[in-house]
N, C-alpha and C. Protein backbone atom coordinates (compact mmCIF):
# COMPACT_ATOMS: atom_id res chain seq x y z
N MET A 1 -90.51 138.25 -51.84
CA MET A 1 -89.42 137.36 -51.43
C MET A 1 -89.44 137.11 -49.92
N LYS A 2 -89.99 138.10 -49.18
CA LYS A 2 -89.99 137.94 -47.73
C LYS A 2 -90.83 136.73 -47.31
N TRP A 3 -91.98 136.55 -48.00
CA TRP A 3 -92.83 135.41 -47.65
C TRP A 3 -92.13 134.08 -47.88
N LEU A 4 -91.26 134.04 -48.94
CA LEU A 4 -90.53 132.82 -49.24
C LEU A 4 -89.52 132.52 -48.13
N PHE A 5 -88.88 133.58 -47.65
CA PHE A 5 -87.92 133.42 -46.55
C PHE A 5 -88.60 132.83 -45.31
N TYR A 6 -89.76 133.40 -44.94
CA TYR A 6 -90.48 132.90 -43.77
C TYR A 6 -90.98 131.47 -43.96
N ALA A 7 -91.39 131.18 -45.19
CA ALA A 7 -91.86 129.82 -45.47
C ALA A 7 -90.74 128.80 -45.30
N VAL A 8 -89.56 129.13 -45.85
CA VAL A 8 -88.40 128.24 -45.73
C VAL A 8 -87.98 128.12 -44.28
N PHE A 9 -87.96 129.26 -43.56
CA PHE A 9 -87.56 129.25 -42.14
C PHE A 9 -88.50 128.37 -41.32
N THR A 10 -89.82 128.52 -41.58
CA THR A 10 -90.81 127.72 -40.84
C THR A 10 -90.65 126.24 -41.14
N LEU A 11 -90.40 125.92 -42.40
CA LEU A 11 -90.21 124.52 -42.79
C LEU A 11 -88.98 123.93 -42.10
N LEU A 12 -87.88 124.67 -42.10
CA LEU A 12 -86.65 124.19 -41.45
C LEU A 12 -86.85 124.03 -39.96
N PHE A 13 -87.57 124.94 -39.35
CA PHE A 13 -87.83 124.85 -37.91
C PHE A 13 -88.62 123.59 -37.58
N CYS A 14 -89.66 123.33 -38.38
CA CYS A 14 -90.50 122.14 -38.13
C CYS A 14 -89.72 120.86 -38.33
N VAL A 15 -88.90 120.83 -39.39
CA VAL A 15 -88.08 119.65 -39.66
C VAL A 15 -87.10 119.43 -38.51
N SER A 16 -86.47 120.51 -38.03
CA SER A 16 -85.50 120.40 -36.92
C SER A 16 -86.18 119.91 -35.66
N ALA A 17 -87.38 120.42 -35.39
CA ALA A 17 -88.11 119.99 -34.19
C ALA A 17 -88.48 118.51 -34.28
N ASP A 18 -88.95 118.10 -35.46
CA ASP A 18 -89.30 116.68 -35.65
C ASP A 18 -88.07 115.80 -35.51
N PHE A 19 -86.95 116.27 -36.04
CA PHE A 19 -85.70 115.50 -35.96
C PHE A 19 -85.26 115.37 -34.50
N ALA A 20 -85.37 116.47 -33.75
CA ALA A 20 -84.98 116.43 -32.34
C ALA A 20 -85.84 115.46 -31.55
N ARG A 21 -87.17 115.47 -31.84
CA ARG A 21 -88.06 114.54 -31.15
C ARG A 21 -87.73 113.10 -31.51
N ALA A 22 -87.41 112.90 -32.78
CA ALA A 22 -87.06 111.54 -33.23
C ALA A 22 -85.78 111.06 -32.54
N MET A 23 -84.81 111.96 -32.42
CA MET A 23 -83.55 111.60 -31.76
C MET A 23 -83.78 111.24 -30.31
N ASP A 24 -84.69 111.98 -29.65
CA ASP A 24 -84.99 111.69 -28.24
C ASP A 24 -85.59 110.31 -28.06
N ASN A 25 -86.28 109.82 -29.10
CA ASN A 25 -86.97 108.54 -28.99
C ASN A 25 -86.14 107.36 -29.46
N ILE A 26 -84.91 107.61 -29.92
CA ILE A 26 -84.05 106.52 -30.35
C ILE A 26 -83.60 105.74 -29.12
N PRO A 27 -83.88 104.44 -29.08
CA PRO A 27 -83.47 103.66 -27.90
C PRO A 27 -81.96 103.48 -27.85
N ALA A 28 -81.46 103.25 -26.66
CA ALA A 28 -80.03 102.98 -26.51
C ALA A 28 -79.69 101.66 -27.21
N THR A 29 -78.47 101.58 -27.76
CA THR A 29 -78.04 100.32 -28.34
C THR A 29 -77.78 99.32 -27.22
N ALA A 30 -77.56 98.07 -27.61
CA ALA A 30 -77.39 97.00 -26.61
C ALA A 30 -76.26 97.31 -25.63
N THR A 31 -75.08 97.62 -26.16
CA THR A 31 -73.95 97.85 -25.24
C THR A 31 -74.05 99.20 -24.55
N GLU A 32 -74.67 100.20 -25.19
CA GLU A 32 -74.91 101.47 -24.50
C GLU A 32 -75.80 101.24 -23.29
N ASP A 33 -76.81 100.40 -23.47
CA ASP A 33 -77.73 100.07 -22.39
C ASP A 33 -76.97 99.46 -21.21
N LEU A 34 -76.12 98.48 -21.51
CA LEU A 34 -75.36 97.81 -20.46
C LEU A 34 -74.38 98.76 -19.78
N MET A 35 -73.76 99.64 -20.56
CA MET A 35 -72.75 100.55 -19.99
C MET A 35 -73.38 101.61 -19.10
N ARG A 36 -74.58 102.09 -19.45
CA ARG A 36 -75.20 103.07 -18.57
C ARG A 36 -75.68 102.40 -17.28
N GLU A 37 -76.03 101.11 -17.37
CA GLU A 37 -76.36 100.36 -16.16
C GLU A 37 -75.12 100.17 -15.29
N HIS A 38 -73.96 100.04 -15.93
CA HIS A 38 -72.70 100.02 -15.18
C HIS A 38 -72.48 101.36 -14.47
N GLY A 39 -72.99 102.44 -15.07
CA GLY A 39 -72.90 103.74 -14.40
C GLY A 39 -73.65 103.73 -13.08
N VAL A 40 -74.83 103.12 -13.07
CA VAL A 40 -75.58 102.97 -11.82
C VAL A 40 -74.78 102.14 -10.82
N LEU A 41 -74.22 101.03 -11.30
CA LEU A 41 -73.41 100.19 -10.42
C LEU A 41 -72.25 100.98 -9.82
N GLY A 42 -71.59 101.79 -10.65
CA GLY A 42 -70.47 102.60 -10.15
C GLY A 42 -70.91 103.55 -9.05
N ARG A 43 -72.10 104.11 -9.19
CA ARG A 43 -72.61 105.02 -8.15
C ARG A 43 -72.94 104.26 -6.87
N ILE A 44 -73.45 103.03 -7.01
CA ILE A 44 -73.72 102.21 -5.83
C ILE A 44 -72.41 101.85 -5.12
N LEU A 45 -71.35 101.61 -5.89
CA LEU A 45 -70.06 101.31 -5.27
C LEU A 45 -69.56 102.50 -4.46
N LEU A 46 -69.80 103.72 -4.94
CA LEU A 46 -69.44 104.91 -4.17
C LEU A 46 -70.29 104.99 -2.89
N ILE A 47 -71.56 104.63 -3.00
CA ILE A 47 -72.42 104.60 -1.81
C ILE A 47 -71.88 103.57 -0.81
N TYR A 48 -71.50 102.40 -1.31
CA TYR A 48 -70.92 101.37 -0.43
C TYR A 48 -69.66 101.88 0.26
N GLU A 49 -68.83 102.59 -0.46
CA GLU A 49 -67.60 103.14 0.15
C GLU A 49 -67.94 104.06 1.31
N GLU A 50 -68.89 104.96 1.07
CA GLU A 50 -69.27 105.92 2.12
C GLU A 50 -69.93 105.21 3.29
N LEU A 51 -70.80 104.25 3.01
CA LEU A 51 -71.48 103.54 4.10
C LEU A 51 -70.50 102.71 4.92
N SER A 52 -69.56 102.05 4.26
CA SER A 52 -68.59 101.24 5.01
C SER A 52 -67.71 102.13 5.88
N ARG A 53 -67.37 103.34 5.38
CA ARG A 53 -66.59 104.28 6.19
C ARG A 53 -67.38 104.68 7.44
N ARG A 54 -68.66 104.96 7.26
CA ARG A 54 -69.49 105.34 8.40
C ARG A 54 -69.67 104.18 9.38
N MET A 55 -69.86 103.00 8.84
CA MET A 55 -70.05 101.83 9.71
C MET A 55 -68.79 101.50 10.50
N ASP A 56 -67.62 101.79 9.91
CA ASP A 56 -66.36 101.63 10.64
C ASP A 56 -66.35 102.51 11.88
N GLY A 57 -67.02 103.66 11.77
CA GLY A 57 -67.08 104.59 12.91
C GLY A 57 -68.23 104.32 13.85
N GLY A 58 -68.94 103.22 13.61
CA GLY A 58 -70.02 102.84 14.51
C GLY A 58 -71.38 103.41 14.16
N GLU A 59 -71.48 104.11 13.01
CA GLU A 59 -72.77 104.67 12.61
C GLU A 59 -73.67 103.58 12.03
N SER A 60 -74.95 103.65 12.33
CA SER A 60 -75.91 102.72 11.75
C SER A 60 -76.44 103.32 10.45
N SER A 61 -76.26 102.60 9.36
CA SER A 61 -76.74 103.07 8.04
C SER A 61 -77.62 102.00 7.42
N ALA A 62 -78.49 101.41 8.24
CA ALA A 62 -79.28 100.25 7.81
C ALA A 62 -80.17 100.58 6.62
N ASP A 63 -80.87 101.70 6.68
CA ASP A 63 -81.83 102.03 5.63
C ASP A 63 -81.14 102.19 4.28
N GLU A 64 -80.05 102.97 4.26
CA GLU A 64 -79.33 103.20 3.01
C GLU A 64 -78.67 101.93 2.48
N LEU A 65 -78.18 101.12 3.40
CA LEU A 65 -77.53 99.86 2.99
C LEU A 65 -78.55 98.92 2.35
N ILE A 66 -79.71 98.79 2.98
CA ILE A 66 -80.73 97.88 2.43
C ILE A 66 -81.21 98.38 1.07
N LYS A 67 -81.47 99.68 0.95
CA LYS A 67 -81.96 100.22 -0.32
C LYS A 67 -80.94 100.05 -1.45
N SER A 68 -79.68 100.36 -1.17
CA SER A 68 -78.65 100.25 -2.22
C SER A 68 -78.38 98.79 -2.58
N THR A 69 -78.44 97.91 -1.59
CA THR A 69 -78.20 96.49 -1.86
C THR A 69 -79.34 95.88 -2.65
N ARG A 70 -80.56 96.34 -2.42
CA ARG A 70 -81.70 95.85 -3.20
C ARG A 70 -81.60 96.30 -4.66
N ILE A 71 -81.05 97.48 -4.90
CA ILE A 71 -80.83 97.90 -6.29
C ILE A 71 -79.84 96.96 -6.96
N ILE A 72 -78.78 96.61 -6.23
CA ILE A 72 -77.80 95.66 -6.79
C ILE A 72 -78.48 94.34 -7.11
N ARG A 73 -79.25 93.81 -6.15
CA ARG A 73 -79.87 92.51 -6.35
C ARG A 73 -80.92 92.55 -7.48
N ASN A 74 -81.83 93.51 -7.42
CA ASN A 74 -82.96 93.51 -8.35
C ASN A 74 -82.59 94.02 -9.74
N PHE A 75 -81.80 95.08 -9.80
CA PHE A 75 -81.51 95.70 -11.09
C PHE A 75 -80.23 95.17 -11.73
N ILE A 76 -79.17 95.07 -10.94
CA ILE A 76 -77.88 94.63 -11.50
C ILE A 76 -77.84 93.12 -11.65
N GLN A 77 -78.09 92.39 -10.60
CA GLN A 77 -77.90 90.93 -10.64
C GLN A 77 -79.05 90.19 -11.31
N ASP A 78 -80.30 90.54 -10.96
CA ASP A 78 -81.44 89.79 -11.50
C ASP A 78 -81.89 90.27 -12.88
N TYR A 79 -81.34 91.39 -13.33
CA TYR A 79 -81.69 91.90 -14.67
C TYR A 79 -80.45 92.06 -15.55
N HIS A 80 -79.60 93.00 -15.21
CA HIS A 80 -78.43 93.33 -16.02
C HIS A 80 -77.52 92.11 -16.25
N GLU A 81 -77.16 91.43 -15.19
CA GLU A 81 -76.24 90.30 -15.33
C GLU A 81 -76.89 89.13 -16.07
N LYS A 82 -78.19 88.98 -15.91
CA LYS A 82 -78.89 87.92 -16.65
C LYS A 82 -78.82 88.17 -18.15
N LEU A 83 -78.92 89.44 -18.55
CA LEU A 83 -78.78 89.78 -19.97
C LEU A 83 -77.39 89.42 -20.48
N GLU A 84 -76.38 89.77 -19.70
CA GLU A 84 -75.00 89.46 -20.11
C GLU A 84 -74.82 87.95 -20.27
N GLU A 85 -75.31 87.20 -19.30
CA GLU A 85 -75.11 85.75 -19.33
C GLU A 85 -75.87 85.09 -20.48
N GLU A 86 -77.10 85.54 -20.71
CA GLU A 86 -77.95 84.91 -21.72
C GLU A 86 -77.58 85.31 -23.14
N TYR A 87 -77.26 86.58 -23.35
CA TYR A 87 -77.09 87.08 -24.71
C TYR A 87 -75.63 87.34 -25.12
N ILE A 88 -74.76 87.59 -24.15
CA ILE A 88 -73.37 87.92 -24.50
C ILE A 88 -72.45 86.74 -24.23
N PHE A 89 -72.40 86.26 -22.99
CA PHE A 89 -71.48 85.16 -22.68
C PHE A 89 -71.83 83.92 -23.49
N LYS A 90 -73.11 83.61 -23.59
CA LYS A 90 -73.53 82.42 -24.33
C LYS A 90 -73.15 82.54 -25.81
N ARG A 91 -73.33 83.73 -26.39
CA ARG A 91 -72.99 83.93 -27.80
C ARG A 91 -71.47 83.84 -28.01
N LEU A 92 -70.70 84.40 -27.11
CA LEU A 92 -69.24 84.33 -27.22
C LEU A 92 -68.76 82.89 -27.16
N ARG A 93 -69.35 82.10 -26.27
CA ARG A 93 -68.95 80.69 -26.18
C ARG A 93 -69.33 79.96 -27.47
N GLY A 94 -70.49 80.29 -28.04
CA GLY A 94 -70.90 79.66 -29.28
C GLY A 94 -69.99 80.00 -30.44
N GLU A 95 -69.41 81.20 -30.41
CA GLU A 95 -68.47 81.63 -31.46
C GLU A 95 -67.03 81.25 -31.12
N ASN A 96 -66.84 80.62 -29.93
CA ASN A 96 -65.51 80.26 -29.44
C ASN A 96 -64.59 81.48 -29.36
N LYS A 97 -65.12 82.58 -28.85
CA LYS A 97 -64.36 83.82 -28.70
C LYS A 97 -64.44 84.28 -27.25
N LEU A 98 -63.31 84.67 -26.71
CA LEU A 98 -63.22 85.20 -25.34
C LEU A 98 -63.90 84.28 -24.33
N VAL A 99 -63.78 82.98 -24.55
CA VAL A 99 -64.46 82.01 -23.70
C VAL A 99 -63.94 82.09 -22.27
N ARG A 100 -62.62 82.16 -22.12
CA ARG A 100 -62.05 82.22 -20.77
C ARG A 100 -62.54 83.47 -20.03
N MET A 101 -62.57 84.60 -20.73
CA MET A 101 -63.02 85.83 -20.09
C MET A 101 -64.49 85.74 -19.71
N ALA A 102 -65.31 85.20 -20.61
CA ALA A 102 -66.74 85.04 -20.31
C ALA A 102 -66.94 84.15 -19.08
N ASN A 103 -66.14 83.10 -18.98
CA ASN A 103 -66.26 82.18 -17.84
C ASN A 103 -65.86 82.88 -16.54
N ILE A 104 -64.79 83.67 -16.59
CA ILE A 104 -64.36 84.41 -15.40
C ILE A 104 -65.43 85.41 -14.97
N LEU A 105 -65.98 86.14 -15.93
CA LEU A 105 -66.99 87.14 -15.61
C LEU A 105 -68.25 86.50 -15.02
N GLU A 106 -68.64 85.35 -15.55
CA GLU A 106 -69.82 84.68 -15.00
C GLU A 106 -69.55 84.13 -13.61
N LEU A 107 -68.35 83.62 -13.40
CA LEU A 107 -67.95 83.18 -12.06
C LEU A 107 -68.01 84.36 -11.08
N GLN A 108 -67.57 85.52 -11.53
CA GLN A 108 -67.62 86.71 -10.68
C GLN A 108 -69.06 87.12 -10.38
N HIS A 109 -69.96 86.96 -11.36
CA HIS A 109 -71.38 87.21 -11.09
C HIS A 109 -71.86 86.33 -9.94
N ASN A 110 -71.52 85.05 -10.01
CA ASN A 110 -71.96 84.11 -8.97
C ASN A 110 -71.36 84.46 -7.61
N THR A 111 -70.10 84.87 -7.62
CA THR A 111 -69.44 85.28 -6.38
C THR A 111 -70.11 86.53 -5.81
N GLY A 112 -70.43 87.47 -6.71
CA GLY A 112 -71.10 88.70 -6.28
C GLY A 112 -72.44 88.43 -5.64
N ARG A 113 -73.17 87.46 -6.19
CA ARG A 113 -74.48 87.11 -5.62
C ARG A 113 -74.34 86.55 -4.21
N LYS A 114 -73.29 85.76 -4.00
CA LYS A 114 -73.06 85.21 -2.65
C LYS A 114 -72.73 86.33 -1.67
N ILE A 115 -71.95 87.30 -2.12
CA ILE A 115 -71.62 88.43 -1.24
C ILE A 115 -72.87 89.22 -0.89
N ILE A 116 -73.71 89.47 -1.89
CA ILE A 116 -74.94 90.22 -1.65
C ILE A 116 -75.89 89.44 -0.74
N ASP A 117 -75.92 88.12 -0.88
CA ASP A 117 -76.72 87.30 0.04
C ASP A 117 -76.31 87.56 1.48
N GLU A 118 -74.99 87.64 1.71
CA GLU A 118 -74.49 87.87 3.07
C GLU A 118 -74.87 89.26 3.57
N ILE A 119 -74.75 90.26 2.71
CA ILE A 119 -75.08 91.63 3.12
C ILE A 119 -76.57 91.74 3.43
N LEU A 120 -77.41 91.07 2.65
CA LEU A 120 -78.85 91.13 2.85
C LEU A 120 -79.30 90.46 4.15
N ARG A 121 -78.41 89.70 4.77
CA ARG A 121 -78.74 89.08 6.05
C ARG A 121 -78.80 90.11 7.17
N MET A 122 -78.27 91.32 6.92
CA MET A 122 -78.29 92.39 7.93
C MET A 122 -79.67 93.07 7.90
N LYS A 123 -80.69 92.37 8.35
CA LYS A 123 -82.06 92.88 8.31
C LYS A 123 -82.52 93.46 9.64
N ASP A 124 -82.07 92.87 10.70
CA ASP A 124 -82.51 93.28 12.04
C ASP A 124 -81.69 94.50 12.48
N PRO A 125 -82.35 95.58 12.93
CA PRO A 125 -81.61 96.76 13.41
C PRO A 125 -80.59 96.42 14.49
N ARG A 126 -80.85 95.34 15.25
CA ARG A 126 -79.90 94.95 16.31
C ARG A 126 -78.58 94.47 15.72
N ASP A 127 -78.62 94.00 14.46
CA ASP A 127 -77.38 93.54 13.80
C ASP A 127 -76.36 94.67 13.71
N TYR A 128 -76.87 95.92 13.63
CA TYR A 128 -75.97 97.06 13.47
C TYR A 128 -75.39 97.52 14.80
N GLN A 129 -75.82 96.87 15.87
CA GLN A 129 -75.23 97.12 17.18
C GLN A 129 -74.23 96.03 17.55
N ASP A 130 -74.12 95.03 16.70
CA ASP A 130 -73.22 93.90 16.93
C ASP A 130 -71.94 94.14 16.14
N LYS A 131 -70.85 94.45 16.84
CA LYS A 131 -69.61 94.83 16.16
C LYS A 131 -69.09 93.73 15.24
N GLU A 132 -69.22 92.49 15.67
CA GLU A 132 -68.74 91.39 14.84
C GLU A 132 -69.51 91.31 13.52
N LYS A 133 -70.83 91.44 13.58
CA LYS A 133 -71.63 91.41 12.36
C LYS A 133 -71.38 92.63 11.49
N LEU A 134 -71.19 93.77 12.15
CA LEU A 134 -70.93 95.01 11.42
C LEU A 134 -69.60 94.91 10.67
N ASP A 135 -68.58 94.40 11.33
CA ASP A 135 -67.27 94.25 10.70
C ASP A 135 -67.34 93.27 9.52
N GLU A 136 -68.08 92.19 9.69
CA GLU A 136 -68.24 91.22 8.60
C GLU A 136 -68.96 91.85 7.41
N CYS A 137 -69.96 92.67 7.71
CA CYS A 137 -70.71 93.33 6.65
C CYS A 137 -69.83 94.29 5.86
N THR A 138 -69.03 95.09 6.55
CA THR A 138 -68.16 96.04 5.84
C THR A 138 -67.08 95.30 5.04
N ARG A 139 -66.61 94.17 5.54
CA ARG A 139 -65.66 93.37 4.75
C ARG A 139 -66.32 92.88 3.46
N ASN A 140 -67.56 92.43 3.58
CA ASN A 140 -68.28 91.99 2.39
C ASN A 140 -68.50 93.14 1.40
N MET A 141 -68.82 94.31 1.90
CA MET A 141 -69.03 95.47 1.04
C MET A 141 -67.75 95.82 0.29
N ARG A 142 -66.62 95.78 1.00
CA ARG A 142 -65.34 96.12 0.36
C ARG A 142 -64.92 95.03 -0.63
N SER A 143 -65.26 93.78 -0.33
CA SER A 143 -64.98 92.70 -1.28
C SER A 143 -65.79 92.91 -2.56
N PHE A 144 -67.02 93.35 -2.40
CA PHE A 144 -67.88 93.59 -3.56
C PHE A 144 -67.32 94.73 -4.41
N ILE A 145 -66.88 95.81 -3.75
CA ILE A 145 -66.29 96.94 -4.47
C ILE A 145 -65.04 96.48 -5.25
N ARG A 146 -64.17 95.74 -4.57
CA ARG A 146 -62.93 95.27 -5.20
C ARG A 146 -63.23 94.35 -6.38
N LEU A 147 -64.26 93.55 -6.28
CA LEU A 147 -64.63 92.62 -7.35
C LEU A 147 -65.18 93.36 -8.56
N TYR A 148 -66.07 94.32 -8.33
CA TYR A 148 -66.84 94.86 -9.45
C TYR A 148 -66.20 96.05 -10.17
N ARG A 149 -65.25 96.74 -9.56
CA ARG A 149 -64.62 97.84 -10.29
C ARG A 149 -63.85 97.31 -11.51
N PRO A 150 -62.95 96.34 -11.37
CA PRO A 150 -62.28 95.80 -12.56
C PRO A 150 -63.24 95.02 -13.46
N HIS A 151 -64.23 94.38 -12.87
CA HIS A 151 -65.20 93.59 -13.64
C HIS A 151 -65.91 94.48 -14.68
N LYS A 152 -66.50 95.56 -14.23
CA LYS A 152 -67.25 96.41 -15.16
C LYS A 152 -66.31 97.18 -16.09
N ALA A 153 -65.12 97.51 -15.62
CA ALA A 153 -64.16 98.22 -16.47
C ALA A 153 -63.72 97.34 -17.64
N GLN A 154 -63.45 96.07 -17.39
CA GLN A 154 -63.05 95.14 -18.44
C GLN A 154 -64.18 94.92 -19.44
N GLU A 155 -65.40 94.83 -18.94
CA GLU A 155 -66.54 94.65 -19.85
C GLU A 155 -66.72 95.88 -20.74
N ASP A 156 -66.67 97.07 -20.15
CA ASP A 156 -66.92 98.29 -20.91
C ASP A 156 -65.85 98.55 -21.97
N THR A 157 -64.59 98.30 -21.62
CA THR A 157 -63.49 98.71 -22.51
C THR A 157 -62.99 97.61 -23.42
N PHE A 158 -63.35 96.36 -23.13
CA PHE A 158 -62.84 95.26 -23.97
C PHE A 158 -63.94 94.31 -24.43
N LEU A 159 -64.66 93.71 -23.48
CA LEU A 159 -65.62 92.67 -23.85
C LEU A 159 -66.73 93.20 -24.76
N PHE A 160 -67.37 94.30 -24.37
CA PHE A 160 -68.49 94.81 -25.16
C PHE A 160 -68.06 95.21 -26.58
N PRO A 161 -66.95 95.96 -26.75
CA PRO A 161 -66.52 96.27 -28.12
C PRO A 161 -66.22 95.03 -28.96
N GLU A 162 -65.62 94.01 -28.33
CA GLU A 162 -65.32 92.78 -29.07
C GLU A 162 -66.59 92.02 -29.41
N PHE A 163 -67.54 92.02 -28.49
CA PHE A 163 -68.81 91.35 -28.74
C PHE A 163 -69.54 92.00 -29.91
N LYS A 164 -69.52 93.32 -29.96
CA LYS A 164 -70.22 94.04 -31.03
C LYS A 164 -69.70 93.65 -32.41
N LYS A 165 -68.41 93.32 -32.49
CA LYS A 165 -67.80 92.99 -33.78
C LYS A 165 -68.37 91.71 -34.40
N ILE A 166 -68.89 90.81 -33.58
CA ILE A 166 -69.35 89.53 -34.12
C ILE A 166 -70.83 89.57 -34.52
N LEU A 167 -71.50 90.70 -34.26
CA LEU A 167 -72.91 90.83 -34.61
C LEU A 167 -73.09 91.62 -35.90
N SER A 168 -74.10 91.25 -36.66
CA SER A 168 -74.49 92.07 -37.80
C SER A 168 -75.22 93.30 -37.28
N THR A 169 -75.38 94.31 -38.13
CA THR A 169 -76.11 95.52 -37.72
C THR A 169 -77.53 95.17 -37.30
N ARG A 170 -78.17 94.28 -38.03
CA ARG A 170 -79.54 93.87 -37.71
C ARG A 170 -79.60 93.18 -36.35
N GLU A 171 -78.65 92.26 -36.11
CA GLU A 171 -78.63 91.55 -34.83
C GLU A 171 -78.41 92.52 -33.67
N TYR A 172 -77.51 93.47 -33.88
CA TYR A 172 -77.18 94.43 -32.83
C TYR A 172 -78.40 95.30 -32.50
N ASP A 173 -79.11 95.76 -33.53
CA ASP A 173 -80.31 96.57 -33.32
C ASP A 173 -81.40 95.77 -32.61
N GLU A 174 -81.59 94.53 -33.03
CA GLU A 174 -82.62 93.69 -32.42
C GLU A 174 -82.30 93.40 -30.96
N LEU A 175 -81.02 93.23 -30.65
CA LEU A 175 -80.63 92.96 -29.27
C LEU A 175 -80.92 94.16 -28.39
N GLY A 176 -80.66 95.36 -28.91
CA GLY A 176 -80.98 96.57 -28.15
C GLY A 176 -82.46 96.66 -27.84
N LYS A 177 -83.30 96.29 -28.81
CA LYS A 177 -84.75 96.31 -28.59
C LYS A 177 -85.16 95.28 -27.54
N LYS A 178 -84.53 94.10 -27.58
CA LYS A 178 -84.84 93.07 -26.58
C LYS A 178 -84.51 93.57 -25.18
N PHE A 179 -83.36 94.23 -25.04
CA PHE A 179 -82.96 94.74 -23.74
C PHE A 179 -83.97 95.77 -23.23
N GLU A 180 -84.40 96.68 -24.12
CA GLU A 180 -85.37 97.71 -23.73
C GLU A 180 -86.69 97.08 -23.33
N GLU A 181 -87.13 96.07 -24.07
CA GLU A 181 -88.39 95.39 -23.77
C GLU A 181 -88.33 94.68 -22.42
N GLU A 182 -87.20 94.04 -22.14
CA GLU A 182 -87.06 93.32 -20.87
C GLU A 182 -87.02 94.30 -19.70
N GLU A 183 -86.36 95.44 -19.90
CA GLU A 183 -86.32 96.46 -18.86
C GLU A 183 -87.72 96.97 -18.56
N ALA A 184 -88.50 97.25 -19.61
CA ALA A 184 -89.86 97.75 -19.42
C ALA A 184 -90.74 96.68 -18.76
N ARG A 185 -90.53 95.43 -19.12
CA ARG A 185 -91.33 94.35 -18.52
C ARG A 185 -91.09 94.23 -17.02
N LEU A 186 -89.83 94.37 -16.62
CA LEU A 186 -89.48 94.17 -15.22
C LEU A 186 -89.67 95.41 -14.36
N PHE A 187 -89.41 96.60 -14.94
CA PHE A 187 -89.40 97.81 -14.13
C PHE A 187 -90.39 98.87 -14.57
N GLY A 188 -91.15 98.57 -15.64
CA GLY A 188 -92.13 99.53 -16.11
C GLY A 188 -91.53 100.56 -17.05
N GLU A 189 -92.38 101.42 -17.58
CA GLU A 189 -91.92 102.48 -18.48
C GLU A 189 -90.95 103.40 -17.73
N GLY A 190 -89.84 103.74 -18.40
CA GLY A 190 -88.84 104.58 -17.74
C GLY A 190 -88.16 103.89 -16.58
N GLY A 191 -87.99 102.57 -16.71
CA GLY A 191 -87.41 101.79 -15.61
C GLY A 191 -86.02 102.25 -15.21
N PHE A 192 -85.17 102.52 -16.19
CA PHE A 192 -83.80 102.95 -15.89
C PHE A 192 -83.82 104.26 -15.12
N GLU A 193 -84.65 105.19 -15.58
CA GLU A 193 -84.72 106.50 -14.93
C GLU A 193 -85.20 106.37 -13.48
N LYS A 194 -86.10 105.42 -13.23
CA LYS A 194 -86.57 105.18 -11.85
C LYS A 194 -85.43 104.70 -10.96
N ILE A 195 -84.59 103.81 -11.50
CA ILE A 195 -83.46 103.29 -10.72
C ILE A 195 -82.45 104.39 -10.44
N VAL A 196 -82.20 105.24 -11.45
CA VAL A 196 -81.29 106.36 -11.24
C VAL A 196 -81.83 107.29 -10.16
N SER A 197 -83.12 107.55 -10.20
CA SER A 197 -83.74 108.42 -9.19
C SER A 197 -83.61 107.82 -7.78
N GLN A 198 -83.82 106.53 -7.66
CA GLN A 198 -83.65 105.87 -6.36
C GLN A 198 -82.21 105.99 -5.86
N THR A 199 -81.27 105.83 -6.79
CA THR A 199 -79.84 105.93 -6.44
C THR A 199 -79.51 107.34 -5.99
N GLU A 200 -80.04 108.34 -6.68
CA GLU A 200 -79.80 109.73 -6.31
C GLU A 200 -80.33 110.04 -4.91
N GLU A 201 -81.49 109.48 -4.58
CA GLU A 201 -82.06 109.72 -3.26
C GLU A 201 -81.15 109.18 -2.15
N ILE A 202 -80.55 108.02 -2.40
CA ILE A 202 -79.61 107.47 -1.41
C ILE A 202 -78.38 108.36 -1.31
N GLU A 203 -77.86 108.80 -2.45
CA GLU A 203 -76.69 109.68 -2.45
C GLU A 203 -76.97 110.96 -1.67
N LYS A 204 -78.14 111.53 -1.87
CA LYS A 204 -78.49 112.76 -1.16
C LYS A 204 -78.61 112.52 0.35
N SER A 205 -79.16 111.37 0.71
CA SER A 205 -79.39 111.10 2.13
C SER A 205 -78.08 110.92 2.90
N ILE A 206 -77.00 110.52 2.19
CA ILE A 206 -75.71 110.32 2.88
C ILE A 206 -74.69 111.40 2.49
N GLY A 207 -75.15 112.40 1.72
CA GLY A 207 -74.32 113.56 1.44
C GLY A 207 -73.23 113.37 0.40
N ILE A 208 -73.46 112.53 -0.62
CA ILE A 208 -72.45 112.37 -1.67
C ILE A 208 -73.03 112.63 -3.06
N PHE A 209 -74.16 113.33 -3.13
CA PHE A 209 -74.78 113.58 -4.43
C PHE A 209 -74.08 114.68 -5.21
N GLU A 210 -73.60 115.71 -4.51
CA GLU A 210 -73.01 116.88 -5.17
C GLU A 210 -71.66 116.52 -5.81
N LEU A 211 -71.61 116.60 -7.13
CA LEU A 211 -70.41 116.20 -7.87
C LEU A 211 -69.18 117.02 -7.49
N SER A 212 -69.35 118.31 -7.24
CA SER A 212 -68.20 119.19 -7.00
C SER A 212 -67.41 118.82 -5.75
N GLN A 213 -68.06 118.08 -4.81
CA GLN A 213 -67.37 117.76 -3.57
C GLN A 213 -66.23 116.76 -3.78
N PHE A 214 -66.21 116.11 -4.94
CA PHE A 214 -65.16 115.14 -5.23
C PHE A 214 -63.94 115.78 -5.91
N THR A 215 -64.01 117.07 -6.19
CA THR A 215 -62.89 117.76 -6.80
C THR A 215 -61.84 118.07 -5.73
N PRO A 216 -60.60 117.61 -5.91
CA PRO A 216 -59.56 117.90 -4.90
C PRO A 216 -59.36 119.40 -4.73
N LYS A 217 -59.16 119.81 -3.50
CA LYS A 217 -58.96 121.24 -3.20
C LYS A 217 -57.52 121.65 -3.54
């Protein structure tokens, strides 16, 4: 009987290991994909808060500002928002659902791009010695923070759940695959993880990576 016990145990172990590997390889669903990208955006907004505070005190944070703003432009605006506009807002308008909200969100995307255009103009290190330009830059950063906190919160808690209701299971699964394929095309294998790593490096360089420091004393 002992051999039977070991045989069953070995079989269960192998099945569990295969199941765990399979679970690891399950791609994120369409809205899960978008929401975790919002997580990156939220971390960039925290970086913007810290950088604007430092710039108010006259500190030059050119390197961190350029790196974080390029993540917004390349990953959030040129990838993430394009997915929302092409696959979510367009579908909602076609179904005549949440049209006003989709229009507002797309208008906010366009406004956000204009703000980022202004921030990206701070290329010359001498710009960070010009108080007028520095003040304008921090105003733009705070405008971006104020715009995107409610924007992503409304999408995560209302728009995405409502959008999911109008899709069949097959459509929803296929959309998730499309998002993963587009991410890999633009950013390579493990593209999301690369962006998270870049974000973490900026957080570490300005001293806001450690989660425990945000706990009130």
